[in-house]
Amino acid sequence: MAAFQITWINKPGGSQSPTHHIIEVGGTNWRLQATDAINNILSNRESYFVSHGGATAYVGATPRNGHYYLHTIPDGTPLDNLLSLTNIAR
């Protein structure tokens, strides 16, 4: 299974609110709709991770209120969380 590093996120309107869901993720020379990343995780086709300062956190997909969301699997280091990444606001 291929693993891809997520280096940026996209939330609606560039929102910084933790309650707004991520709609797109990407890295060097790639981008994906969040729903595609979720499907890849759930089907074990691809995995994703976030790294910062030598710390790496893997990304999972969790259901909440009938929808799946991307989230960083906690590792005690907040700087490698999805929400700490640059929000490109496209």
N, C-alpha and C. Protein backbone atom coordinates (compact mmCIF):
# COMPACT_ATOMS: atom_id res chain seq x y z
N MET A 1 0.85 -1.18 0.00
CA MET A 1 0.00 0.00 0.00
C MET A 1 0.90 1.24 0.00
N ALA A 2 0.59 2.15 -0.87
CA ALA A 2 1.35 3.41 -0.96
C ALA A 2 0.94 4.35 0.18
N ALA A 3 1.93 5.10 0.70
CA ALA A 3 1.68 6.09 1.74
C ALA A 3 2.07 7.46 1.22
N PHE A 4 1.20 8.44 1.43
CA PHE A 4 1.41 9.79 0.92
C PHE A 4 1.42 10.79 2.07
N GLN A 5 2.37 11.73 2.01
CA GLN A 5 2.44 12.78 3.02
C GLN A 5 1.51 13.93 2.65
N ILE A 6 0.62 14.26 3.56
CA ILE A 6 -0.26 15.42 3.39
C ILE A 6 0.48 16.64 3.92
N THR A 7 0.60 17.67 3.07
CA THR A 7 1.29 18.89 3.49
C THR A 7 0.37 20.11 3.54
N TRP A 8 -0.84 19.97 3.00
CA TRP A 8 -1.80 21.07 3.08
C TRP A 8 -3.22 20.52 3.09
N ILE A 9 -4.14 21.34 3.57
CA ILE A 9 -5.56 21.00 3.59
C ILE A 9 -6.33 22.15 2.94
N ASN A 10 -7.59 21.88 2.62
CA ASN A 10 -8.49 22.91 2.11
C ASN A 10 -9.80 22.75 2.86
N LYS A 11 -10.22 23.83 3.52
CA LYS A 11 -11.51 23.86 4.21
C LYS A 11 -12.37 24.91 3.54
N PRO A 12 -13.69 24.78 3.61
CA PRO A 12 -14.58 25.74 2.94
C PRO A 12 -14.26 27.18 3.30
N GLY A 13 -14.01 28.00 2.28
CA GLY A 13 -13.77 29.42 2.47
C GLY A 13 -12.52 29.74 3.25
N GLY A 14 -11.61 28.79 3.39
CA GLY A 14 -10.39 29.03 4.14
C GLY A 14 -10.60 29.04 5.64
N SER A 15 -11.69 28.48 6.09
CA SER A 15 -12.03 28.49 7.51
C SER A 15 -10.90 27.90 8.36
N GLN A 16 -10.64 28.51 9.49
CA GLN A 16 -9.69 27.98 10.46
C GLN A 16 -10.41 27.26 11.60
N SER A 17 -11.72 27.23 11.54
CA SER A 17 -12.51 26.60 12.60
C SER A 17 -12.31 25.09 12.60
N PRO A 18 -12.06 24.49 13.78
CA PRO A 18 -11.92 23.04 13.84
C PRO A 18 -13.22 22.30 13.58
N THR A 19 -14.36 23.01 13.58
CA THR A 19 -15.63 22.35 13.34
C THR A 19 -15.98 22.25 11.85
N HIS A 20 -15.28 23.00 11.00
CA HIS A 20 -15.52 22.89 9.56
C HIS A 20 -14.69 21.73 9.02
N HIS A 21 -15.31 20.92 8.19
CA HIS A 21 -14.62 19.73 7.70
C HIS A 21 -13.65 20.05 6.56
N ILE A 22 -12.66 19.20 6.44
CA ILE A 22 -11.67 19.31 5.37
C ILE A 22 -12.30 18.79 4.09
N ILE A 23 -12.18 19.56 2.99
CA ILE A 23 -12.79 19.13 1.74
C ILE A 23 -11.76 18.60 0.73
N GLU A 24 -10.48 18.91 0.98
CA GLU A 24 -9.43 18.50 0.05
C GLU A 24 -8.11 18.42 0.82
N VAL A 25 -7.26 17.47 0.41
CA VAL A 25 -5.92 17.35 0.98
C VAL A 25 -4.92 17.20 -0.15
N GLY A 26 -3.66 17.47 0.13
CA GLY A 26 -2.67 17.31 -0.91
C GLY A 26 -1.26 17.34 -0.38
N GLY A 27 -0.35 17.13 -1.31
CA GLY A 27 1.07 17.15 -0.99
C GLY A 27 1.84 17.57 -2.23
N THR A 28 3.10 17.18 -2.30
CA THR A 28 3.94 17.53 -3.43
C THR A 28 3.42 16.84 -4.69
N ASN A 29 2.93 17.65 -5.61
CA ASN A 29 2.44 17.17 -6.92
C ASN A 29 1.22 16.27 -6.87
N TRP A 30 0.40 16.36 -5.84
CA TRP A 30 -0.84 15.60 -5.82
C TRP A 30 -1.88 16.33 -4.96
N ARG A 31 -3.14 16.07 -5.28
CA ARG A 31 -4.26 16.61 -4.51
C ARG A 31 -5.42 15.64 -4.64
N LEU A 32 -6.25 15.57 -3.63
CA LEU A 32 -7.39 14.65 -3.61
C LEU A 32 -8.56 15.30 -2.87
N GLN A 33 -9.75 14.99 -3.33
CA GLN A 33 -10.92 15.34 -2.54
C GLN A 33 -10.86 14.52 -1.25
N ALA A 34 -11.31 15.09 -0.15
CA ALA A 34 -11.29 14.37 1.12
C ALA A 34 -12.08 13.07 1.03
N THR A 35 -13.18 13.07 0.30
CA THR A 35 -13.97 11.84 0.17
C THR A 35 -13.18 10.73 -0.52
N ASP A 36 -12.33 11.08 -1.49
CA ASP A 36 -11.50 10.08 -2.15
C ASP A 36 -10.43 9.55 -1.20
N ALA A 37 -9.84 10.43 -0.40
CA ALA A 37 -8.85 9.98 0.58
C ALA A 37 -9.50 9.06 1.61
N ILE A 38 -10.70 9.40 2.06
CA ILE A 38 -11.43 8.57 3.00
C ILE A 38 -11.69 7.19 2.40
N ASN A 39 -12.18 7.15 1.16
CA ASN A 39 -12.43 5.86 0.51
C ASN A 39 -11.16 5.05 0.36
N ASN A 40 -10.03 5.70 0.04
CA ASN A 40 -8.76 4.99 -0.08
C ASN A 40 -8.31 4.40 1.25
N ILE A 41 -8.51 5.14 2.33
CA ILE A 41 -8.16 4.65 3.67
C ILE A 41 -9.04 3.46 4.04
N LEU A 42 -10.34 3.61 3.85
CA LEU A 42 -11.28 2.56 4.25
C LEU A 42 -11.10 1.28 3.44
N SER A 43 -10.66 1.40 2.20
CA SER A 43 -10.46 0.22 1.35
C SER A 43 -9.02 -0.29 1.37
N ASN A 44 -8.18 0.34 2.20
CA ASN A 44 -6.76 -0.03 2.31
C ASN A 44 -5.99 0.08 1.00
N ARG A 45 -6.40 1.00 0.12
CA ARG A 45 -5.68 1.24 -1.13
C ARG A 45 -4.47 2.14 -0.92
N GLU A 46 -4.64 3.15 -0.07
CA GLU A 46 -3.57 4.10 0.20
C GLU A 46 -3.65 4.51 1.66
N SER A 47 -2.52 4.99 2.19
CA SER A 47 -2.51 5.56 3.53
C SER A 47 -1.90 6.96 3.43
N TYR A 48 -2.13 7.75 4.47
CA TYR A 48 -1.70 9.14 4.48
C TYR A 48 -1.11 9.45 5.85
N PHE A 49 -0.18 10.40 5.86
CA PHE A 49 0.44 10.79 7.11
C PHE A 49 0.82 12.27 7.06
N VAL A 50 1.07 12.83 8.24
CA VAL A 50 1.51 14.21 8.40
C VAL A 50 2.80 14.16 9.21
N SER A 51 3.82 14.91 8.78
CA SER A 51 5.10 14.95 9.51
C SER A 51 5.47 16.39 9.82
N HIS A 52 6.11 16.55 10.98
CA HIS A 52 6.62 17.86 11.37
C HIS A 52 7.71 17.66 12.41
N GLY A 53 8.87 18.20 12.15
CA GLY A 53 9.95 18.16 13.12
C GLY A 53 10.34 16.76 13.55
N GLY A 54 10.27 15.80 12.66
CA GLY A 54 10.65 14.44 12.98
C GLY A 54 9.51 13.59 13.54
N ALA A 55 8.39 14.21 13.86
CA ALA A 55 7.22 13.46 14.36
C ALA A 55 6.30 13.16 13.19
N THR A 56 5.78 11.95 13.16
CA THR A 56 4.86 11.54 12.10
C THR A 56 3.58 11.01 12.72
N ALA A 57 2.45 11.47 12.20
CA ALA A 57 1.14 11.00 12.64
C ALA A 57 0.40 10.48 11.41
N TYR A 58 -0.22 9.34 11.55
CA TYR A 58 -0.99 8.77 10.44
C TYR A 58 -2.40 9.34 10.46
N VAL A 59 -3.03 9.30 9.30
CA VAL A 59 -4.36 9.86 9.12
C VAL A 59 -5.36 8.72 9.00
N GLY A 60 -6.47 8.85 9.73
CA GLY A 60 -7.52 7.86 9.68
C GLY A 60 -8.82 8.48 9.22
N ALA A 61 -9.83 7.63 9.07
CA ALA A 61 -11.18 8.07 8.70
C ALA A 61 -12.13 7.54 9.75
N THR A 62 -12.90 8.43 10.35
CA THR A 62 -13.79 8.06 11.43
C THR A 62 -15.21 8.55 11.15
N PRO A 63 -16.21 7.70 11.41
CA PRO A 63 -17.58 8.16 11.20
C PRO A 63 -18.06 9.02 12.37
N ARG A 64 -18.81 10.06 12.02
CA ARG A 64 -19.44 10.90 13.02
C ARG A 64 -20.72 11.45 12.41
N ASN A 65 -21.82 11.23 13.06
CA ASN A 65 -23.13 11.73 12.61
C ASN A 65 -23.44 11.28 11.18
N GLY A 66 -23.07 10.05 10.85
CA GLY A 66 -23.41 9.49 9.55
C GLY A 66 -22.45 9.83 8.42
N HIS A 67 -21.38 10.58 8.70
CA HIS A 67 -20.40 10.95 7.68
C HIS A 67 -19.00 10.59 8.18
N TYR A 68 -18.14 10.24 7.24
CA TYR A 68 -16.74 9.98 7.60
C TYR A 68 -15.92 11.25 7.49
N TYR A 69 -14.97 11.41 8.40
CA TYR A 69 -14.09 12.56 8.43
C TYR A 69 -12.65 12.10 8.53
N LEU A 70 -11.75 12.88 7.95
CA LEU A 70 -10.32 12.62 8.11
C LEU A 70 -9.88 13.15 9.46
N HIS A 71 -8.98 12.43 10.11
CA HIS A 71 -8.42 12.90 11.37
C HIS A 71 -7.02 12.33 11.53
N THR A 72 -6.20 13.03 12.28
CA THR A 72 -4.87 12.56 12.60
C THR A 72 -4.97 11.62 13.79
N ILE A 73 -4.31 10.49 13.71
CA ILE A 73 -4.30 9.56 14.84
C ILE A 73 -3.38 10.17 15.90
N PRO A 74 -3.91 10.45 17.09
CA PRO A 74 -3.15 11.18 18.11
C PRO A 74 -1.82 10.52 18.47
N ASP A 75 -0.79 11.36 18.57
CA ASP A 75 0.52 10.87 18.98
C ASP A 75 1.15 11.78 20.02
N GLY A 76 0.38 12.73 20.55
CA GLY A 76 0.88 13.61 21.61
C GLY A 76 1.65 14.82 21.11
N THR A 77 1.78 14.98 19.79
CA THR A 77 2.50 16.11 19.23
C THR A 77 1.55 16.90 18.34
N PRO A 78 1.06 18.06 18.79
CA PRO A 78 0.05 18.79 18.02
C PRO A 78 0.55 19.36 16.69
N LEU A 79 1.86 19.54 16.52
CA LEU A 79 2.37 20.15 15.28
C LEU A 79 2.26 19.24 14.07
N ASP A 80 2.02 17.93 14.27
CA ASP A 80 1.86 17.04 13.13
C ASP A 80 0.40 16.64 12.92
N ASN A 81 -0.52 17.49 13.37
CA ASN A 81 -1.95 17.25 13.16
C ASN A 81 -2.41 17.87 11.85
N LEU A 82 -3.45 17.31 11.27
CA LEU A 82 -4.00 17.85 10.03
C LEU A 82 -4.36 19.33 10.16
N LEU A 83 -4.95 19.69 11.28
CA LEU A 83 -5.41 21.07 11.44
C LEU A 83 -4.28 22.07 11.65
N SER A 84 -3.05 21.58 11.82
CA SER A 84 -1.92 22.50 11.95
C SER A 84 -1.31 22.82 10.58
N LEU A 85 -1.78 22.14 9.53
CA LEU A 85 -1.24 22.36 8.18
C LEU A 85 -1.79 23.62 7.56
N THR A 86 -1.12 24.11 6.54
CA THR A 86 -1.58 25.27 5.79
C THR A 86 -2.91 24.98 5.13
N ASN A 87 -3.86 25.91 5.30
CA ASN A 87 -5.16 25.81 4.66
C ASN A 87 -5.08 26.65 3.40
N ILE A 88 -5.10 25.99 2.23
CA ILE A 88 -4.87 26.70 0.97
C ILE A 88 -6.06 27.53 0.51
N ALA A 89 -7.24 27.28 1.04
CA ALA A 89 -8.42 28.09 0.77
C ALA A 89 -8.63 28.40 -0.70
N ARG A 90 -8.89 27.39 -1.49
CA ARG A 90 -9.15 27.58 -2.92
C ARG A 90 -10.61 27.78 -3.17
